[in-house]
Amino acid sequence: LSLRYGNLFYNPFHALSIVFLYGSVLLFAMHGATILAVGRYGGEREI
């Protein structure tokens, strides 16, 4: 483990996996929020 270096983020692959995981979760949350907003408030209608 990289605990002897002080923190887990010393490992670049571990840091990249965390960034990829949080990025995909954020992208999925944005995607779901867009679908919910359009479906609930009628965003498909033009003004």
PDB file of N, CA and C in Angstrom:
ATOM      1  N   LEU A   1       0.834  -1.203   0.000  1.00  0.00           N
ATOM      2  CA  LEU A   1       0.000   0.000   0.000  1.00  0.00           C
ATOM      3  C   LEU A   1       0.870   1.255   0.000  1.00  0.00           C
ATOM      4  N   SER A   2       0.239   2.362  -0.338  1.00  0.00           N
ATOM      5  CA  SER A   2       0.963   3.637  -0.349  1.00  0.00           C
ATOM      6  C   SER A   2       0.714   4.423   0.933  1.00  0.00           C
ATOM      7  N   LEU A   3       0.300   3.715   1.999  1.00  0.00           N
ATOM      8  CA  LEU A   3       0.059   4.413   3.263  1.00  0.00           C
ATOM      9  C   LEU A   3       1.363   4.925   3.872  1.00  0.00           C
ATOM     10  N   ARG A   4       2.479   4.282   3.526  1.00  0.00           N
ATOM     11  CA  ARG A   4       3.753   4.719   4.104  1.00  0.00           C
ATOM     12  C   ARG A   4       4.204   6.051   3.537  1.00  0.00           C
ATOM     13  N   TYR A   5       3.597   6.500   2.438  1.00  0.00           N
ATOM     14  CA  TYR A   5       3.951   7.802   1.877  1.00  0.00           C
ATOM     15  C   TYR A   5       3.127   8.927   2.498  1.00  0.00           C
ATOM     16  N   GLY A   6       2.161   8.606   3.330  1.00  0.00           N
ATOM     17  CA  GLY A   6       1.408   9.643   4.026  1.00  0.00           C
ATOM     18  C   GLY A   6      -0.051   9.677   3.633  1.00  0.00           C
ATOM     19  N   ASN A   7      -0.363   9.485   2.352  1.00  0.00           N
ATOM     20  CA  ASN A   7      -1.772   9.512   1.942  1.00  0.00           C
ATOM     21  C   ASN A   7      -1.965   8.570   0.750  1.00  0.00           C
ATOM     22  N   LEU A   8      -3.215   8.238   0.489  1.00  0.00           N
ATOM     23  CA  LEU A   8      -3.511   7.318  -0.607  1.00  0.00           C
ATOM     24  C   LEU A   8      -3.406   7.987  -1.968  1.00  0.00           C
ATOM     25  N   PHE A   9      -3.482   9.333  -1.999  1.00  0.00           N
ATOM     26  CA  PHE A   9      -3.453  10.030  -3.275  1.00  0.00           C
ATOM     27  C   PHE A   9      -2.045  10.142  -3.839  1.00  0.00           C
ATOM     28  N   TYR A  10      -1.063   9.563  -3.143  1.00  0.00           N
ATOM     29  CA  TYR A  10       0.284   9.520  -3.701  1.00  0.00           C
ATOM     30  C   TYR A  10       0.331   8.566  -4.894  1.00  0.00           C
ATOM     31  N   ASN A  11      -0.538   7.570  -4.877  1.00  0.00           N
ATOM     32  CA  ASN A  11      -0.599   6.627  -5.985  1.00  0.00           C
ATOM     33  C   ASN A  11      -1.361   7.267  -7.144  1.00  0.00           C
ATOM     34  N   PRO A  12      -0.728   7.458  -8.304  1.00  0.00           N
ATOM     35  CA  PRO A  12      -1.420   8.144  -9.408  1.00  0.00           C
ATOM     36  C   PRO A  12      -2.588   7.339  -9.957  1.00  0.00           C
ATOM     37  N   PHE A  13      -2.467   6.002  -9.982  1.00  0.00           N
ATOM     38  CA  PHE A  13      -3.561   5.194 -10.521  1.00  0.00           C
ATOM     39  C   PHE A  13      -4.770   5.222  -9.589  1.00  0.00           C
ATOM     40  N   HIS A  14      -4.516   5.246  -8.297  1.00  0.00           N
ATOM     41  CA  HIS A  14      -5.618   5.334  -7.348  1.00  0.00           C
ATOM     42  C   HIS A  14      -6.318   6.678  -7.462  1.00  0.00           C
ATOM     43  N   ALA A  15      -5.516   7.753  -7.632  1.00  0.00           N
ATOM     44  CA  ALA A  15      -6.110   9.082  -7.782  1.00  0.00           C
ATOM     45  C   ALA A  15      -6.916   9.164  -9.077  1.00  0.00           C
ATOM     46  N   LEU A  16      -6.399   8.583 -10.160  1.00  0.00           N
ATOM     47  CA  LEU A  16      -7.127   8.618 -11.429  1.00  0.00           C
ATOM     48  C   LEU A  16      -8.425   7.815 -11.338  1.00  0.00           C
ATOM     49  N   SER A  17      -8.390   6.685 -10.609  1.00  0.00           N
ATOM     50  CA  SER A  17      -9.612   5.898 -10.464  1.00  0.00           C
ATOM     51  C   SER A  17     -10.658   6.656  -9.658  1.00  0.00           C
ATOM     52  N   ILE A  18     -10.219   7.402  -8.634  1.00  0.00           N
ATOM     53  CA  ILE A  18     -11.161   8.194  -7.846  1.00  0.00           C
ATOM     54  C   ILE A  18     -11.751   9.315  -8.692  1.00  0.00           C
ATOM     55  N   VAL A  19     -10.895   9.982  -9.479  1.00  0.00           N
ATOM     56  CA  VAL A  19     -11.375  11.066 -10.341  1.00  0.00           C
ATOM     57  C   VAL A  19     -12.358  10.522 -11.376  1.00  0.00           C
ATOM     58  N   PHE A  20     -12.046   9.352 -11.961  1.00  0.00           N
ATOM     59  CA  PHE A  20     -12.944   8.773 -12.958  1.00  0.00           C
ATOM     60  C   PHE A  20     -14.273   8.364 -12.324  1.00  0.00           C
ATOM     61  N   LEU A  21     -14.221   7.804 -11.107  1.00  0.00           N
ATOM     62  CA  LEU A  21     -15.450   7.377 -10.443  1.00  0.00           C
ATOM     63  C   LEU A  21     -16.336   8.571 -10.107  1.00  0.00           C
ATOM     64  N   TYR A  22     -15.733   9.611  -9.486  1.00  0.00           N
ATOM     65  CA  TYR A  22     -16.524  10.789  -9.133  1.00  0.00           C
ATOM     66  C   TYR A  22     -17.020  11.515 -10.377  1.00  0.00           C
ATOM     67  N   GLY A  23     -16.216  11.533 -11.444  1.00  0.00           N
ATOM     68  CA  GLY A  23     -16.638  12.184 -12.678  1.00  0.00           C
ATOM     69  C   GLY A  23     -17.816  11.468 -13.314  1.00  0.00           C
ATOM     70  N   SER A  24     -17.780  10.123 -13.336  1.00  0.00           N
ATOM     71  CA  SER A  24     -18.883   9.384 -13.925  1.00  0.00           C
ATOM     72  C   SER A  24     -20.144   9.521 -13.077  1.00  0.00           C
ATOM     73  N   VAL A  25     -19.992   9.561 -11.749  1.00  0.00           N
ATOM     74  CA  VAL A  25     -21.151   9.753 -10.874  1.00  0.00           C
ATOM     75  C   VAL A  25     -21.752  11.139 -11.090  1.00  0.00           C
ATOM     76  N   LEU A  26     -20.894  12.154 -11.226  1.00  0.00           N
ATOM     77  CA  LEU A  26     -21.386  13.509 -11.466  1.00  0.00           C
ATOM     78  C   LEU A  26     -22.077  13.599 -12.819  1.00  0.00           C
ATOM     79  N   LEU A  27     -21.507  12.951 -13.844  1.00  0.00           N
ATOM     80  CA  LEU A  27     -22.122  12.970 -15.170  1.00  0.00           C
ATOM     81  C   LEU A  27     -23.478  12.264 -15.148  1.00  0.00           C
ATOM     82  N   PHE A  28     -23.570  11.128 -14.437  1.00  0.00           N
ATOM     83  CA  PHE A  28     -24.836  10.412 -14.339  1.00  0.00           C
ATOM     84  C   PHE A  28     -25.880  11.227 -13.583  1.00  0.00           C
ATOM     85  N   ALA A  29     -25.452  11.962 -12.542  1.00  0.00           N
ATOM     86  CA  ALA A  29     -26.383  12.799 -11.785  1.00  0.00           C
ATOM     87  C   ALA A  29     -26.893  13.950 -12.645  1.00  0.00           C
ATOM     88  N   MET A  30     -26.012  14.556 -13.439  1.00  0.00           N
ATOM     89  CA  MET A  30     -26.436  15.639 -14.332  1.00  0.00           C
ATOM     90  C   MET A  30     -27.401  15.114 -15.390  1.00  0.00           C
ATOM     91  N   HIS A  31     -27.117  13.912 -15.913  1.00  0.00           N
ATOM     92  CA  HIS A  31     -27.980  13.306 -16.922  1.00  0.00           C
ATOM     93  C   HIS A  31     -29.376  13.027 -16.347  1.00  0.00           C
ATOM     94  N   GLY A  32     -29.425  12.463 -15.141  1.00  0.00           N
ATOM     95  CA  GLY A  32     -30.708  12.170 -14.516  1.00  0.00           C
ATOM     96  C   GLY A  32     -31.476  13.428 -14.160  1.00  0.00           C
ATOM     97  N   ALA A  33     -30.779  14.468 -13.706  1.00  0.00           N
ATOM     98  CA  ALA A  33     -31.448  15.721 -13.359  1.00  0.00           C
ATOM     99  C   ALA A  33     -32.027  16.381 -14.601  1.00  0.00           C
ATOM    100  N   THR A  34     -31.308  16.285 -15.731  1.00  0.00           N
ATOM    101  CA  THR A  34     -31.827  16.854 -16.981  1.00  0.00           C
ATOM    102  C   THR A  34     -33.092  16.121 -17.420  1.00  0.00           C
ATOM    103  N   ILE A  35     -33.083  14.795 -17.328  1.00  0.00           N
ATOM    104  CA  ILE A  35     -34.265  14.018 -17.725  1.00  0.00           C
ATOM    105  C   ILE A  35     -35.446  14.347 -16.815  1.00  0.00           C
ATOM    106  N   LEU A  36     -35.199  14.447 -15.506  1.00  0.00           N
ATOM    107  CA  LEU A  36     -36.290  14.746 -14.582  1.00  0.00           C
ATOM    108  C   LEU A  36     -36.837  16.149 -14.817  1.00  0.00           C
ATOM    109  N   ALA A  37     -35.951  17.120 -15.078  1.00  0.00           N
ATOM    110  CA  ALA A  37     -36.401  18.496 -15.270  1.00  0.00           C
ATOM    111  C   ALA A  37     -37.219  18.610 -16.554  1.00  0.00           C
ATOM    112  N   VAL A  38     -36.767  17.973 -17.624  1.00  0.00           N
ATOM    113  CA  VAL A  38     -37.489  18.062 -18.896  1.00  0.00           C
ATOM    114  C   VAL A  38     -38.818  17.314 -18.793  1.00  0.00           C
ATOM    115  N   GLY A  39     -38.814  16.160 -18.146  1.00  0.00           N
ATOM    116  CA  GLY A  39     -40.039  15.376 -18.058  1.00  0.00           C
ATOM    117  C   GLY A  39     -41.081  16.004 -17.160  1.00  0.00           C
ATOM    118  N   ARG A  40     -40.652  16.679 -16.096  1.00  0.00           N
ATOM    119  CA  ARG A  40     -41.615  17.211 -15.135  1.00  0.00           C
ATOM    120  C   ARG A  40     -42.138  18.581 -15.542  1.00  0.00           C
ATOM    121  N   TYR A  41     -41.246  19.455 -16.013  1.00  0.00           N
ATOM    122  CA  TYR A  41     -41.651  20.835 -16.259  1.00  0.00           C
ATOM    123  C   TYR A  41     -41.927  21.127 -17.731  1.00  0.00           C
ATOM    124  N   GLY A  42     -41.930  20.092 -18.574  1.00  0.00           N
ATOM    125  CA  GLY A  42     -42.283  20.310 -19.966  1.00  0.00           C
ATOM    126  C   GLY A  42     -41.259  21.118 -20.729  1.00  0.00           C
ATOM    127  N   GLY A  43     -39.996  20.761 -20.604  1.00  0.00           N
ATOM    128  CA  GLY A  43     -38.955  21.511 -21.288  1.00  0.00           C
ATOM    129  C   GLY A  43     -38.904  21.260 -22.778  1.00  0.00           C
ATOM    130  N   GLU A  44     -39.647  20.245 -23.258  1.00  0.00           N
ATOM    131  CA  GLU A  44     -39.608  19.965 -24.700  1.00  0.00           C
ATOM    132  C   GLU A  44     -40.467  20.930 -25.505  1.00  0.00           C
ATOM    133  N   ARG A  45     -41.314  21.718 -24.814  1.00  0.00           N
ATOM    134  CA  ARG A  45     -42.157  22.679 -25.537  1.00  0.00           C
ATOM    135  C   ARG A  45     -41.392  23.956 -25.814  1.00  0.00           C
ATOM    136  N   GLU A  46     -41.576  24.476 -27.027  1.00  0.00           N
ATOM    137  CA  GLU A  46     -40.936  25.746 -27.377  1.00  0.00           C
ATOM    138  C   GLU A  46     -41.807  26.908 -26.935  1.00  0.00           C
ATOM    139  N   ILE A  47     -41.154  28.017 -26.648  1.00  0.00           N
ATOM    140  CA  ILE A  47     -41.894  29.203 -26.209  1.00  0.00           C
ATOM    141  C   ILE A  47     -42.470  29.913 -27.426  1.00  0.00           C
TER     142      ILE A  47
END
